[in-house]
Amino acid sequence: MGPTVAEVVAGIIGPSEARPVGSGRPPMPAVEIIETLRFFLREGVQRRKLRVADGRASGSTLRRRLGRRGRQLLSTG
């Protein structure tokens, strides 16, 4: 069986940033961020209403990770 759409997109956007040990919870895998984005777009819920669930990030995590990646893309390009 091949990779899921979320796995393909996660590979395109790249891995999460490295953080120093002991700086809070470990970063969520990019696949879970993509799954959260798909849920957000499909269900049409408000970002603030997104709660952490199995395989999904919170709305705040989604906002932070997408914002950070957007800034990275703008600064390189």
Protein backbone atom coordinates (compact mmCIF):
# COMPACT_ATOMS: atom_id res chain seq x y z
CA MET A 1 0.00 0.00 0.00
CA GLY A 2 1.33 3.46 -0.91
CA PRO A 3 1.66 6.58 1.20
CA THR A 4 -1.41 8.57 2.20
CA VAL A 5 -2.06 12.06 0.86
CA ALA A 6 -1.08 13.51 4.24
CA GLU A 7 2.25 11.65 4.14
CA VAL A 8 3.02 12.94 0.65
CA VAL A 9 2.19 16.54 1.59
CA ALA A 10 4.13 16.24 4.85
CA GLY A 11 7.17 15.15 2.85
CA ILE A 12 6.82 18.21 0.62
CA ILE A 13 6.54 20.73 3.45
CA GLY A 14 9.43 19.13 5.29
CA PRO A 15 10.10 17.98 8.82
CA SER A 16 9.33 20.05 11.88
CA GLU A 17 12.00 22.26 13.31
CA ALA A 18 14.48 20.94 15.83
CA ARG A 19 14.07 22.30 19.36
CA PRO A 20 16.37 22.04 22.34
CA VAL A 21 15.76 19.14 24.72
CA GLY A 22 13.48 20.08 27.59
CA SER A 23 11.67 22.92 25.80
CA GLY A 24 8.15 21.60 26.24
CA ARG A 25 6.31 18.87 24.40
CA PRO A 26 7.93 17.36 21.33
CA PRO A 27 6.69 18.82 18.02
CA MET A 28 3.80 17.10 16.30
CA PRO A 29 4.66 15.16 13.16
CA ALA A 30 3.87 17.02 9.93
CA VAL A 31 1.42 14.25 8.96
CA GLU A 32 -0.77 15.10 11.97
CA ILE A 33 -0.65 18.80 11.08
CA ILE A 34 -1.82 17.98 7.54
CA GLU A 35 -4.61 15.74 8.87
CA THR A 36 -5.74 18.61 11.11
CA LEU A 37 -5.74 20.99 8.14
CA ARG A 38 -7.83 18.52 6.11
CA PHE A 39 -10.31 18.16 9.00
CA PHE A 40 -10.46 21.95 9.43
CA LEU A 41 -11.19 22.50 5.73
CA ARG A 42 -13.61 19.58 5.41
CA GLU A 43 -15.69 20.26 8.53
CA GLY A 44 -15.58 24.05 8.41
CA VAL A 45 -15.03 24.43 12.16
CA GLN A 46 -13.48 27.53 13.68
CA ARG A 47 -9.76 27.22 14.33
CA ARG A 48 -10.24 28.07 17.99
CA LYS A 49 -12.67 25.16 18.35
CA LEU A 50 -10.16 22.58 17.12
CA ARG A 51 -9.08 20.41 20.04
CA VAL A 52 -6.26 17.89 20.19
CA ALA A 53 -7.49 14.44 19.22
CA ASP A 54 -5.81 11.20 18.25
CA GLY A 55 -3.93 11.96 15.04
CA ARG A 56 -4.85 15.67 15.05
CA ALA A 57 -3.24 18.83 16.37
CA SER A 58 -4.96 21.72 18.10
CA GLY A 59 -5.98 24.86 16.24
CA SER A 60 -3.13 26.80 17.87
CA THR A 61 -0.56 24.25 16.71
CA LEU A 62 -2.02 24.36 13.20
CA ARG A 63 -1.80 28.16 13.13
CA ARG A 64 1.79 28.22 14.47
CA ARG A 65 3.16 25.53 12.15
CA LEU A 66 1.50 26.89 8.99
CA GLY A 67 2.54 30.45 9.87
CA ARG A 68 6.14 29.39 10.50
CA ARG A 69 6.29 27.44 7.24
CA GLY A 70 4.79 30.36 5.33
CA ARG A 71 7.42 32.72 6.71
CA GLN A 72 10.17 30.25 5.79
CA LEU A 73 8.91 30.01 2.22
CA LEU A 74 8.65 33.77 1.86
CA SER A 75 12.14 34.38 3.21
CA THR A 76 13.77 31.88 0.83
CA GLY A 77 12.07 32.95 -2.21
